[in-house]
Amino acid sequence: MRNRITIQTATVSKGDLGGEELVWTDSFTAFAFAEYRRTGSDEKYRAKQLTNRTDCDFTIRREDRVISTKDRVLYDGRIFDIDSVLRNGVRQEFYLLECFQMGEQKTSP
């Protein structure tokens, strides 16, 4: 487990004009084992456009913190949505985060 990931949680806040906007905040960071499920990306039709999908699994040590599919993972400058959170290992001492990325979601230009 040598890859550093950040778990981010969404909160809804009021914007300057009174509208609601989704704000992602860092919840915690952890060392993880990152493993892409496929070589390359899988392309799918979404909203009548061809969009690539990249699947990646992250294994981290089990935390006392709650991780859900409403959270997301920041890894290597890329944003991954969490598809499922599974307990893993002989004594269930790990979490397996099955994640995906649709299109090119990057944190910086």
PDB file of N, CA and C in Angstrom:
ATOM      1  N   MET A   1       0.842  -1.180   0.000  1.00  0.00           N
ATOM      2  CA  MET A   1       0.000   0.000   0.000  1.00  0.00           C
ATOM      3  C   MET A   1       0.884   1.239   0.000  1.00  0.00           C
ATOM      4  N   ARG A   2       1.208   1.674  -1.201  1.00  0.00           N
ATOM      5  CA  ARG A   2       2.110   2.815  -1.323  1.00  0.00           C
ATOM      6  C   ARG A   2       1.498   3.997  -2.050  1.00  0.00           C
ATOM      7  N   ASN A   3       0.259   3.859  -2.485  1.00  0.00           N
ATOM      8  CA  ASN A   3      -0.423   4.957  -3.162  1.00  0.00           C
ATOM      9  C   ASN A   3      -1.202   5.772  -2.147  1.00  0.00           C
ATOM     10  N   ARG A   4      -1.135   7.088  -2.279  1.00  0.00           N
ATOM     11  CA  ARG A   4      -1.831   7.983  -1.348  1.00  0.00           C
ATOM     12  C   ARG A   4      -3.139   8.424  -1.992  1.00  0.00           C
ATOM     13  N   ILE A   5      -4.262   8.208  -1.284  1.00  0.00           N
ATOM     14  CA  ILE A   5      -5.565   8.650  -1.786  1.00  0.00           C
ATOM     15  C   ILE A   5      -6.205   9.571  -0.750  1.00  0.00           C
ATOM     16  N   THR A   6      -7.153  10.362  -1.215  1.00  0.00           N
ATOM     17  CA  THR A   6      -7.922  11.239  -0.340  1.00  0.00           C
ATOM     18  C   THR A   6      -9.397  10.918  -0.535  1.00  0.00           C
ATOM     19  N   ILE A   7     -10.095  10.675   0.559  1.00  0.00           N
ATOM     20  CA  ILE A   7     -11.540  10.470   0.521  1.00  0.00           C
ATOM     21  C   ILE A   7     -12.186  11.836   0.696  1.00  0.00           C
ATOM     22  N   GLN A   8     -13.081  12.185  -0.221  1.00  0.00           N
ATOM     23  CA  GLN A   8     -13.758  13.477  -0.161  1.00  0.00           C
ATOM     24  C   GLN A   8     -15.254  13.274   0.066  1.00  0.00           C
ATOM     25  N   THR A   9     -15.844  14.167   0.856  1.00  0.00           N
ATOM     26  CA  THR A   9     -17.260  14.116   1.188  1.00  0.00           C
ATOM     27  C   THR A   9     -17.935  15.373   0.660  1.00  0.00           C
ATOM     28  N   ALA A  10     -19.141  15.195   0.141  1.00  0.00           N
ATOM     29  CA  ALA A  10     -19.893  16.320  -0.423  1.00  0.00           C
ATOM     30  C   ALA A  10     -20.765  16.972   0.643  1.00  0.00           C
ATOM     31  N   THR A  11     -20.793  18.286   0.604  1.00  0.00           N
ATOM     32  CA  THR A  11     -21.710  19.050   1.437  1.00  0.00           C
ATOM     33  C   THR A  11     -22.411  20.075   0.547  1.00  0.00           C
ATOM     34  N   VAL A  12     -23.627  20.399   0.909  1.00  0.00           N
ATOM     35  CA  VAL A  12     -24.395  21.387   0.150  1.00  0.00           C
ATOM     36  C   VAL A  12     -24.300  22.717   0.890  1.00  0.00           C
ATOM     37  N   SER A  13     -23.913  23.752   0.161  1.00  0.00           N
ATOM     38  CA  SER A  13     -23.830  25.080   0.776  1.00  0.00           C
ATOM     39  C   SER A  13     -24.557  26.072  -0.114  1.00  0.00           C
ATOM     40  N   LYS A  14     -24.862  27.221   0.475  1.00  0.00           N
ATOM     41  CA  LYS A  14     -25.536  28.276  -0.282  1.00  0.00           C
ATOM     42  C   LYS A  14     -24.502  29.113  -1.005  1.00  0.00           C
ATOM     43  N   GLY A  15     -24.764  29.373  -2.271  1.00  0.00           N
ATOM     44  CA  GLY A  15     -23.881  30.211  -3.069  1.00  0.00           C
ATOM     45  C   GLY A  15     -24.117  31.681  -2.810  1.00  0.00           C
ATOM     46  N   ASP A  16     -23.378  32.524  -3.499  1.00  0.00           N
ATOM     47  CA  ASP A  16     -23.494  33.978  -3.344  1.00  0.00           C
ATOM     48  C   ASP A  16     -24.876  34.489  -3.742  1.00  0.00           C
ATOM     49  N   LEU A  17     -25.498  33.824  -4.703  1.00  0.00           N
ATOM     50  CA  LEU A  17     -26.807  34.264  -5.176  1.00  0.00           C
ATOM     51  C   LEU A  17     -27.954  33.527  -4.487  1.00  0.00           C
ATOM     52  N   GLY A  18     -27.653  32.744  -3.459  1.00  0.00           N
ATOM     53  CA  GLY A  18     -28.686  32.052  -2.709  1.00  0.00           C
ATOM     54  C   GLY A  18     -28.993  30.647  -3.191  1.00  0.00           C
ATOM     55  N   GLY A  19     -28.416  30.232  -4.292  1.00  0.00           N
ATOM     56  CA  GLY A  19     -28.635  28.884  -4.807  1.00  0.00           C
ATOM     57  C   GLY A  19     -27.758  27.874  -4.082  1.00  0.00           C
ATOM     58  N   GLU A  20     -28.145  26.618  -4.161  1.00  0.00           N
ATOM     59  CA  GLU A  20     -27.368  25.559  -3.522  1.00  0.00           C
ATOM     60  C   GLU A  20     -26.275  25.068  -4.466  1.00  0.00           C
ATOM     61  N   GLU A  21     -25.099  24.815  -3.907  1.00  0.00           N
ATOM     62  CA  GLU A  21     -24.013  24.259  -4.704  1.00  0.00           C
ATOM     63  C   GLU A  21     -23.318  23.164  -3.908  1.00  0.00           C
ATOM     64  N   LEU A  22     -22.835  22.161  -4.616  1.00  0.00           N
ATOM     65  CA  LEU A  22     -22.166  21.020  -4.019  1.00  0.00           C
ATOM     66  C   LEU A  22     -20.693  21.347  -3.830  1.00  0.00           C
ATOM     67  N   VAL A  23     -20.200  21.198  -2.603  1.00  0.00           N
ATOM     68  CA  VAL A  23     -18.812  21.490  -2.281  1.00  0.00           C
ATOM     69  C   VAL A  23     -18.168  20.212  -1.755  1.00  0.00           C
ATOM     70  N   TRP A  24     -17.030  19.827  -2.340  1.00  0.00           N
ATOM     71  CA  TRP A  24     -16.315  18.632  -1.904  1.00  0.00           C
ATOM     72  C   TRP A  24     -15.206  19.030  -0.946  1.00  0.00           C
ATOM     73  N   THR A  25     -15.174  18.390   0.226  1.00  0.00           N
ATOM     74  CA  THR A  25     -14.141  18.651   1.224  1.00  0.00           C
ATOM     75  C   THR A  25     -13.389  17.367   1.518  1.00  0.00           C
ATOM     76  N   ASP A  26     -12.103  17.517   1.818  1.00  0.00           N
ATOM     77  CA  ASP A  26     -11.288  16.349   2.152  1.00  0.00           C
ATOM     78  C   ASP A  26     -11.705  15.804   3.513  1.00  0.00           C
ATOM     79  N   SER A  27     -12.029  14.522   3.548  1.00  0.00           N
ATOM     80  CA  SER A  27     -12.418  13.873   4.793  1.00  0.00           C
ATOM     81  C   SER A  27     -11.190  13.305   5.500  1.00  0.00           C
ATOM     82  N   PHE A  28     -10.403  12.503   4.780  1.00  0.00           N
ATOM     83  CA  PHE A  28      -9.145  11.983   5.310  1.00  0.00           C
ATOM     84  C   PHE A  28      -8.308  11.419   4.172  1.00  0.00           C
ATOM     85  N   THR A  29      -7.030  11.214   4.445  1.00  0.00           N
ATOM     86  CA  THR A  29      -6.130  10.593   3.475  1.00  0.00           C
ATOM     87  C   THR A  29      -5.692   9.240   4.015  1.00  0.00           C
ATOM     88  N   ALA A  30      -5.338   8.342   3.100  1.00  0.00           N
ATOM     89  CA  ALA A  30      -4.924   7.001   3.501  1.00  0.00           C
ATOM     90  C   ALA A  30      -3.977   6.438   2.448  1.00  0.00           C
ATOM     91  N   PHE A  31      -3.156   5.490   2.877  1.00  0.00           N
ATOM     92  CA  PHE A  31      -2.348   4.747   1.925  1.00  0.00           C
ATOM     93  C   PHE A  31      -3.201   3.618   1.378  1.00  0.00           C
ATOM     94  N   ALA A  32      -3.067   3.351   0.084  1.00  0.00           N
ATOM     95  CA  ALA A  32      -3.918   2.362  -0.570  1.00  0.00           C
ATOM     96  C   ALA A  32      -3.121   1.566  -1.591  1.00  0.00           C
ATOM     97  N   PHE A  33      -3.682   0.430  -1.952  1.00  0.00           N
ATOM     98  CA  PHE A  33      -3.200  -0.340  -3.094  1.00  0.00           C
ATOM     99  C   PHE A  33      -4.182  -0.081  -4.224  1.00  0.00           C
ATOM    100  N   ALA A  34      -3.713   0.528  -5.300  1.00  0.00           N
ATOM    101  CA  ALA A  34      -4.571   0.875  -6.439  1.00  0.00           C
ATOM    102  C   ALA A  34      -4.381  -0.149  -7.543  1.00  0.00           C
ATOM    103  N   GLU A  35      -5.503  -0.626  -8.085  1.00  0.00           N
ATOM    104  CA  GLU A  35      -5.444  -1.626  -9.145  1.00  0.00           C
ATOM    105  C   GLU A  35      -6.537  -1.341 -10.166  1.00  0.00           C
ATOM    106  N   TYR A  36      -6.109  -1.036 -11.389  1.00  0.00           N
ATOM    107  CA  TYR A  36      -7.076  -0.821 -12.462  1.00  0.00           C
ATOM    108  C   TYR A  36      -7.644  -2.174 -12.874  1.00  0.00           C
ATOM    109  N   ARG A  37      -8.968  -2.232 -13.039  1.00  0.00           N
ATOM    110  CA  ARG A  37      -9.622  -3.497 -13.359  1.00  0.00           C
ATOM    111  C   ARG A  37      -9.447  -3.905 -14.805  1.00  0.00           C
ATOM    112  N   ARG A  38      -9.239  -2.991 -15.687  1.00  0.00           N
ATOM    113  CA  ARG A  38      -9.050  -3.290 -17.109  1.00  0.00           C
ATOM    114  C   ARG A  38      -7.805  -2.569 -17.600  1.00  0.00           C
ATOM    115  N   THR A  39      -7.262  -3.094 -18.664  1.00  0.00           N
ATOM    116  CA  THR A  39      -6.189  -2.376 -19.323  1.00  0.00           C
ATOM    117  C   THR A  39      -6.831  -1.350 -20.241  1.00  0.00           C
ATOM    118  N   GLY A  40      -6.597  -0.099 -19.977  1.00  0.00           N
ATOM    119  CA  GLY A  40      -7.234   0.958 -20.760  1.00  0.00           C
ATOM    120  C   GLY A  40      -8.607   1.285 -20.223  1.00  0.00           C
ATOM    121  N   SER A  41      -9.435   1.839 -21.072  1.00  0.00           N
ATOM    122  CA  SER A  41     -10.758   2.285 -20.658  1.00  0.00           C
ATOM    123  C   SER A  41     -11.828   1.597 -21.479  1.00  0.00           C
ATOM    124  N   ASP A  42     -13.012   1.550 -20.933  1.00  0.00           N
ATOM    125  CA  ASP A  42     -14.170   1.012 -21.620  1.00  0.00           C
ATOM    126  C   ASP A  42     -15.021   2.194 -22.055  1.00  0.00           C
ATOM    127  N   GLU A  43     -15.471   2.180 -23.293  1.00  0.00           N
ATOM    128  CA  GLU A  43     -16.265   3.300 -23.788  1.00  0.00           C
ATOM    129  C   GLU A  43     -17.735   2.927 -23.775  1.00  0.00           C
ATOM    130  N   LYS A  44     -18.571   3.828 -23.282  1.00  0.00           N
ATOM    131  CA  LYS A  44     -20.013   3.609 -23.181  1.00  0.00           C
ATOM    132  C   LYS A  44     -20.740   4.808 -23.776  1.00  0.00           C
ATOM    133  N   TYR A  45     -21.958   4.558 -24.238  1.00  0.00           N
ATOM    134  CA  TYR A  45     -22.807   5.655 -24.686  1.00  0.00           C
ATOM    135  C   TYR A  45     -23.535   6.233 -23.484  1.00  0.00           C
ATOM    136  N   ARG A  46     -23.422   7.524 -23.305  1.00  0.00           N
ATOM    137  CA  ARG A  46     -24.075   8.207 -22.192  1.00  0.00           C
ATOM    138  C   ARG A  46     -24.581   9.537 -22.745  1.00  0.00           C
ATOM    139  N   ALA A  47     -25.871   9.765 -22.620  1.00  0.00           N
ATOM    140  CA  ALA A  47     -26.504  10.982 -23.137  1.00  0.00           C
ATOM    141  C   ALA A  47     -26.190  11.158 -24.619  1.00  0.00           C
ATOM    142  N   LYS A  48     -26.263  10.038 -25.344  1.00  0.00           N
ATOM    143  CA  LYS A  48     -26.057  10.003 -26.796  1.00  0.00           C
ATOM    144  C   LYS A  48     -24.656  10.443 -27.202  1.00  0.00           C
ATOM    145  N   GLN A  49     -23.700  10.326 -26.282  1.00  0.00           N
ATOM    146  CA  GLN A  49     -22.310  10.620 -26.592  1.00  0.00           C
ATOM    147  C   GLN A  49     -21.446   9.463 -26.112  1.00  0.00           C
ATOM    148  N   LEU A  50     -20.377   9.221 -26.826  1.00  0.00           N
ATOM    149  CA  LEU A  50     -19.441   8.169 -26.450  1.00  0.00           C
ATOM    150  C   LEU A  50     -18.560   8.686 -25.316  1.00  0.00           C
ATOM    151  N   THR A  51     -18.614   8.025 -24.163  1.00  0.00           N
ATOM    152  CA  THR A  51     -17.874   8.450 -22.976  1.00  0.00           C
ATOM    153  C   THR A  51     -17.048   7.282 -22.464  1.00  0.00           C
ATOM    154  N   ASN A  52     -15.796   7.542 -22.122  1.00  0.00           N
ATOM    155  CA  ASN A  52     -14.970   6.454 -21.609  1.00  0.00           C
ATOM    156  C   ASN A  52     -15.175   6.279 -20.109  1.00  0.00           C
ATOM    157  N   ARG A  53     -15.043   5.028 -19.662  1.00  0.00           N
ATOM    158  CA  ARG A  53     -15.195   4.688 -18.250  1.00  0.00           C
ATOM    159  C   ARG A  53     -13.947   3.920 -17.827  1.00  0.00           C
ATOM    160  N   THR A  54     -13.328   4.369 -16.743  1.00  0.00           N
ATOM    161  CA  THR A  54     -12.151   3.716 -16.192  1.00  0.00           C
ATOM    162  C   THR A  54     -12.503   3.187 -14.804  1.00  0.00           C
ATOM    163  N   ASP A  55     -12.264   1.891 -14.573  1.00  0.00           N
ATOM    164  CA  ASP A  55     -12.552   1.259 -13.285  1.00  0.00           C
ATOM    165  C   ASP A  55     -11.256   1.033 -12.520  1.00  0.00           C
ATOM    166  N   CYS A  56     -11.275   1.345 -11.235  1.00  0.00           N
ATOM    167  CA  CYS A  56     -10.100   1.168 -10.395  1.00  0.00           C
ATOM    168  C   CYS A  56     -10.549   0.741  -8.997  1.00  0.00           C
ATOM    169  N   ASP A  57      -9.862  -0.233  -8.421  1.00  0.00           N
ATOM    170  CA  ASP A  57     -10.131  -0.681  -7.059  1.00  0.00           C
ATOM    171  C   ASP A  57      -9.053  -0.141  -6.137  1.00  0.00           C
ATOM    172  N   PHE A  58      -9.465   0.322  -4.970  1.00  0.00           N
ATOM    173  CA  PHE A  58      -8.534   0.803  -3.954  1.00  0.00           C
ATOM    174  C   PHE A  58      -8.729  -0.030  -2.692  1.00  0.00           C
ATOM    175  N   THR A  59      -7.654  -0.610  -2.191  1.00  0.00           N
ATOM    176  CA  THR A  59      -7.699  -1.351  -0.933  1.00  0.00           C
ATOM    177  C   THR A  59      -7.004  -0.519   0.120  1.00  0.00           C
ATOM    178  N   ILE A  60      -7.721  -0.230   1.217  1.00  0.00           N
ATOM    179  CA  ILE A  60      -7.155   0.544   2.328  1.00  0.00           C
ATOM    180  C   ILE A  60      -7.391  -0.209   3.630  1.00  0.00           C
ATOM    181  N   ARG A  61      -6.627   0.134   4.644  1.00  0.00           N
ATOM    182  CA  ARG A  61      -6.872  -0.438   5.973  1.00  0.00           C
ATOM    183  C   ARG A  61      -8.190   0.096   6.502  1.00  0.00           C
ATOM    184  N   ARG A  62      -8.907  -0.751   7.212  1.00  0.00           N
ATOM    185  CA  ARG A  62     -10.220  -0.353   7.722  1.00  0.00           C
ATOM    186  C   ARG A  62     -10.079   0.791   8.707  1.00  0.00           C
ATOM    187  N   GLU A  63     -10.917   1.760   8.564  1.00  0.00           N
ATOM    188  CA  GLU A  63     -10.910   2.972   9.382  1.00  0.00           C
ATOM    189  C   GLU A  63     -12.149   2.993  10.266  1.00  0.00           C
ATOM    190  N   ASP A  64     -12.097   3.784  11.324  1.00  0.00           N
ATOM    191  CA  ASP A  64     -13.284   4.006  12.151  1.00  0.00           C
ATOM    192  C   ASP A  64     -14.235   4.978  11.466  1.00  0.00           C
ATOM    193  N   ARG A  65     -13.737   5.670  10.478  1.00  0.00           N
ATOM    194  CA  ARG A  65     -14.562   6.629   9.740  1.00  0.00           C
ATOM    195  C   ARG A  65     -15.506   5.892   8.796  1.00  0.00           C
ATOM    196  N   VAL A  66     -16.606   6.534   8.503  1.00  0.00           N
ATOM    197  CA  VAL A  66     -17.601   5.948   7.600  1.00  0.00           C
ATOM    198  C   VAL A  66     -17.272   6.362   6.169  1.00  0.00           C
ATOM    199  N   ILE A  67     -17.248   5.388   5.273  1.00  0.00           N
ATOM    200  CA  ILE A  67     -17.066   5.636   3.847  1.00  0.00           C
ATOM    201  C   ILE A  67     -18.303   5.115   3.146  1.00  0.00           C
ATOM    202  N   SER A  68     -18.883   5.922   2.264  1.00  0.00           N
ATOM    203  CA  SER A  68     -20.087   5.489   1.559  1.00  0.00           C
ATOM    204  C   SER A  68     -19.954   5.763   0.064  1.00  0.00           C
ATOM    205  N   THR A  69     -20.941   5.324  -0.679  1.00  0.00           N
ATOM    206  CA  THR A  69     -20.938   5.541  -2.125  1.00  0.00           C
ATOM    207  C   THR A  69     -21.253   6.994  -2.481  1.00  0.00           C
ATOM    208  N   LYS A  70     -21.604   7.808  -1.495  1.00  0.00           N
ATOM    209  CA  LYS A  70     -21.818   9.241  -1.730  1.00  0.00           C
ATOM    210  C   LYS A  70     -20.507  10.010  -1.720  1.00  0.00           C
ATOM    211  N   ASP A  71     -19.439   9.369  -1.235  1.00  0.00           N
ATOM    212  CA  ASP A  71     -18.120   9.981  -1.203  1.00  0.00           C
ATOM    213  C   ASP A  71     -17.422   9.744  -2.541  1.00  0.00           C
ATOM    214  N   ARG A  72     -16.220  10.301  -2.667  1.00  0.00           N
ATOM    215  CA  ARG A  72     -15.417  10.054  -3.855  1.00  0.00           C
ATOM    216  C   ARG A  72     -13.946   9.966  -3.461  1.00  0.00           C
ATOM    217  N   VAL A  73     -13.129   9.463  -4.394  1.00  0.00           N
ATOM    218  CA  VAL A  73     -11.703   9.256  -4.151  1.00  0.00           C
ATOM    219  C   VAL A  73     -10.911  10.176  -5.072  1.00  0.00           C
ATOM    220  N   LEU A  74      -9.933  10.845  -4.505  1.00  0.00           N
ATOM    221  CA  LEU A  74      -8.995  11.651  -5.265  1.00  0.00           C
ATOM    222  C   LEU A  74      -7.673  10.892  -5.285  1.00  0.00           C
ATOM    223  N   TYR A  75      -7.218  10.522  -6.487  1.00  0.00           N
ATOM    224  CA  TYR A  75      -5.994   9.732  -6.628  1.00  0.00           C
ATOM    225  C   TYR A  75      -5.222  10.205  -7.847  1.00  0.00           C
ATOM    226  N   ASP A  76      -3.986  10.579  -7.643  1.00  0.00           N
ATOM    227  CA  ASP A  76      -3.086  10.940  -8.730  1.00  0.00           C
ATOM    228  C   ASP A  76      -3.673  12.051  -9.612  1.00  0.00           C
ATOM    229  N   GLY A  77      -4.339  13.009  -8.982  1.00  0.00           N
ATOM    230  CA  GLY A  77      -4.923  14.128  -9.715  1.00  0.00           C
ATOM    231  C   GLY A  77      -6.205  13.798 -10.445  1.00  0.00           C
ATOM    232  N   ARG A  78      -6.757  12.609 -10.219  1.00  0.00           N
ATOM    233  CA  ARG A  78      -7.984  12.178 -10.884  1.00  0.00           C
ATOM    234  C   ARG A  78      -9.070  11.917  -9.848  1.00  0.00           C
ATOM    235  N   ILE A  79     -10.317  12.110 -10.257  1.00  0.00           N
ATOM    236  CA  ILE A  79     -11.459  11.937  -9.367  1.00  0.00           C
ATOM    237  C   ILE A  79     -12.196  10.657  -9.743  1.00  0.00           C
ATOM    238  N   PHE A  80     -12.412   9.785  -8.752  1.00  0.00           N
ATOM    239  CA  PHE A  80     -13.124   8.529  -8.950  1.00  0.00           C
ATOM    240  C   PHE A  80     -14.363   8.499  -8.056  1.00  0.00           C
ATOM    241  N   ASP A  81     -15.505   8.163  -8.625  1.00  0.00           N
ATOM    242  CA  ASP A  81     -16.715   7.957  -7.842  1.00  0.00           C
ATOM    243  C   ASP A  81     -16.675   6.554  -7.245  1.00  0.00           C
ATOM    244  N   ILE A  82     -17.224   6.395  -6.037  1.00  0.00           N
ATOM    245  CA  ILE A  82     -17.222   5.096  -5.361  1.00  0.00           C
ATOM    246  C   ILE A  82     -18.473   4.338  -5.761  1.00  0.00           C
ATOM    247  N   ASP A  83     -18.278   3.146  -6.314  1.00  0.00           N
ATOM    248  CA  ASP A  83     -19.375   2.284  -6.739  1.00  0.00           C
ATOM    249  C   ASP A  83     -19.838   1.392  -5.587  1.00  0.00           C
ATOM    250  N   SER A  84     -18.885   0.870  -4.793  1.00  0.00           N
ATOM    251  CA  SER A  84     -19.231   0.041  -3.638  1.00  0.00           C
ATOM    252  C   SER A  84     -18.090   0.042  -2.634  1.00  0.00           C
ATOM    253  N   VAL A  85     -18.444  -0.212  -1.372  1.00  0.00           N
ATOM    254  CA  VAL A  85     -17.480  -0.309  -0.275  1.00  0.00           C
ATOM    255  C   VAL A  85     -17.660  -1.687   0.340  1.00  0.00           C
ATOM    256  N   LEU A  86     -16.618  -2.522   0.258  1.00  0.00           N
ATOM    257  CA  LEU A  86     -16.692  -3.897   0.754  1.00  0.00           C
ATOM    258  C   LEU A  86     -15.620  -4.129   1.801  1.00  0.00           C
ATOM    259  N   ARG A  87     -15.945  -4.937   2.801  1.00  0.00           N
ATOM    260  CA  ARG A  87     -14.923  -5.361   3.758  1.00  0.00           C
ATOM    261  C   ARG A  87     -14.176  -6.524   3.137  1.00  0.00           C
ATOM    262  N   ASN A  88     -12.871  -6.570   3.383  1.00  0.00           N
ATOM    263  CA  ASN A  88     -12.032  -7.556   2.726  1.00  0.00           C
ATOM    264  C   ASN A  88     -10.966  -8.039   3.705  1.00  0.00           C
ATOM    265  N   GLY A  89     -10.382  -9.190   3.433  1.00  0.00           N
ATOM    266  CA  GLY A  89      -9.319  -9.738   4.265  1.00  0.00           C
ATOM    267  C   GLY A  89      -9.838 -10.839   5.168  1.00  0.00           C
ATOM    268  N   VAL A  90      -8.912 -11.591   5.724  1.00  0.00           N
ATOM    269  CA  VAL A  90      -9.261 -12.731   6.587  1.00  0.00           C
ATOM    270  C   VAL A  90     -10.052 -12.275   7.800  1.00  0.00           C
ATOM    271  N   ARG A  91      -9.619 -11.195   8.426  1.00  0.00           N
ATOM    272  CA  ARG A  91     -10.320 -10.659   9.603  1.00  0.00           C
ATOM    273  C   ARG A  91     -11.089  -9.397   9.270  1.00  0.00           C
ATOM    274  N   GLN A  92     -11.371  -9.202   7.990  1.00  0.00           N
ATOM    275  CA  GLN A  92     -12.116  -8.033   7.521  1.00  0.00           C
ATOM    276  C   GLN A  92     -11.418  -6.735   7.923  1.00  0.00           C
ATOM    277  N   GLU A  93     -10.089  -6.738   7.851  1.00  0.00           N
ATOM    278  CA  GLU A  93      -9.312  -5.583   8.284  1.00  0.00           C
ATOM    279  C   GLU A  93      -9.073  -4.556   7.183  1.00  0.00           C
ATOM    280  N   PHE A  94      -9.613  -4.792   5.997  1.00  0.00           N
ATOM    281  CA  PHE A  94      -9.443  -3.872   4.881  1.00  0.00           C
ATOM    282  C   PHE A  94     -10.798  -3.481   4.309  1.00  0.00           C
ATOM    283  N   TYR A  95     -10.796  -2.326   3.640  1.00  0.00           N
ATOM    284  CA  TYR A  95     -11.930  -1.922   2.809  1.00  0.00           C
ATOM    285  C   TYR A  95     -11.487  -2.027   1.353  1.00  0.00           C
ATOM    286  N   LEU A  96     -12.354  -2.574   0.527  1.00  0.00           N
ATOM    287  CA  LEU A  96     -12.147  -2.566  -0.909  1.00  0.00           C
ATOM    288  C   LEU A  96     -13.119  -1.553  -1.493  1.00  0.00           C
ATOM    289  N   LEU A  97     -12.573  -0.485  -2.063  1.00  0.00           N
ATOM    290  CA  LEU A  97     -13.391   0.557  -2.674  1.00  0.00           C
ATOM    291  C   LEU A  97     -13.393   0.321  -4.177  1.00  0.00           C
ATOM    292  N   GLU A  98     -14.530  -0.096  -4.717  1.00  0.00           N
ATOM    293  CA  GLU A  98     -14.665  -0.280  -6.158  1.00  0.00           C
ATOM    294  C   GLU A  98     -15.101   1.060  -6.745  1.00  0.00           C
ATOM    295  N   CYS A  99     -14.251   1.632  -7.579  1.00  0.00           N
ATOM    296  CA  CYS A  99     -14.474   2.995  -8.058  1.00  0.00           C
ATOM    297  C   CYS A  99     -14.461   3.052  -9.583  1.00  0.00           C
ATOM    298  N   PHE A 100     -14.998   4.156 -10.101  1.00  0.00           N
ATOM    299  CA  PHE A 100     -15.001   4.374 -11.543  1.00  0.00           C
ATOM    300  C   PHE A 100     -14.863   5.856 -11.834  1.00  0.00           C
ATOM    301  N   GLN A 101     -14.425   6.128 -13.051  1.00  0.00           N
ATOM    302  CA  GLN A 101     -14.292   7.492 -13.526  1.00  0.00           C
ATOM    303  C   GLN A 101     -14.926   7.553 -14.908  1.00  0.00           C
ATOM    304  N   MET A 102     -15.859   8.467 -15.085  1.00  0.00           N
ATOM    305  CA  MET A 102     -16.496   8.676 -16.385  1.00  0.00           C
ATOM    306  C   MET A 102     -15.863   9.884 -17.042  1.00  0.00           C
ATOM    307  N   GLY A 103     -15.346   9.715 -18.245  1.00  0.00           N
ATOM    308  CA  GLY A 103     -14.725  10.830 -18.941  1.00  0.00           C
ATOM    309  C   GLY A 103     -13.412  11.204 -18.283  1.00  0.00           C
ATOM    310  N   GLU A 104     -13.014  12.425 -18.484  1.00  0.00           N
ATOM    311  CA  GLU A 104     -11.753  12.921 -17.921  1.00  0.00           C
ATOM    312  C   GLU A 104     -12.053  13.910 -16.811  1.00  0.00           C
ATOM    313  N   GLN A 105     -12.069  13.439 -15.574  1.00  0.00           N
ATOM    314  CA  GLN A 105     -12.273  14.313 -14.421  1.00  0.00           C
ATOM    315  C   GLN A 105     -10.932  14.515 -13.744  1.00  0.00           C
ATOM    316  N   LYS A 106     -10.402  15.704 -13.846  1.00  0.00           N
ATOM    317  CA  LYS A 106      -9.115  16.008 -13.234  1.00  0.00           C
ATOM    318  C   LYS A 106      -9.291  17.172 -12.275  1.00  0.00           C
ATOM    319  N   THR A 107      -8.423  17.231 -11.284  1.00  0.00           N
ATOM    320  CA  THR A 107      -8.530  18.287 -10.286  1.00  0.00           C
ATOM    321  C   THR A 107      -7.836  19.567 -10.716  1.00  0.00           C
ATOM    322  N   SER A 108      -6.893  19.473 -11.646  1.00  0.00           N
ATOM    323  CA  SER A 108      -6.207  20.679 -12.106  1.00  0.00           C
ATOM    324  C   SER A 108      -6.094  20.636 -13.628  1.00  0.00           C
ATOM    325  N   PRO A 109      -6.010  21.797 -14.270  1.00  0.00           N
ATOM    326  CA  PRO A 109      -5.941  21.836 -15.736  1.00  0.00           C
ATOM    327  C   PRO A 109      -4.679  21.231 -16.305  1.00  0.00           C
TER     328      PRO A 109
END
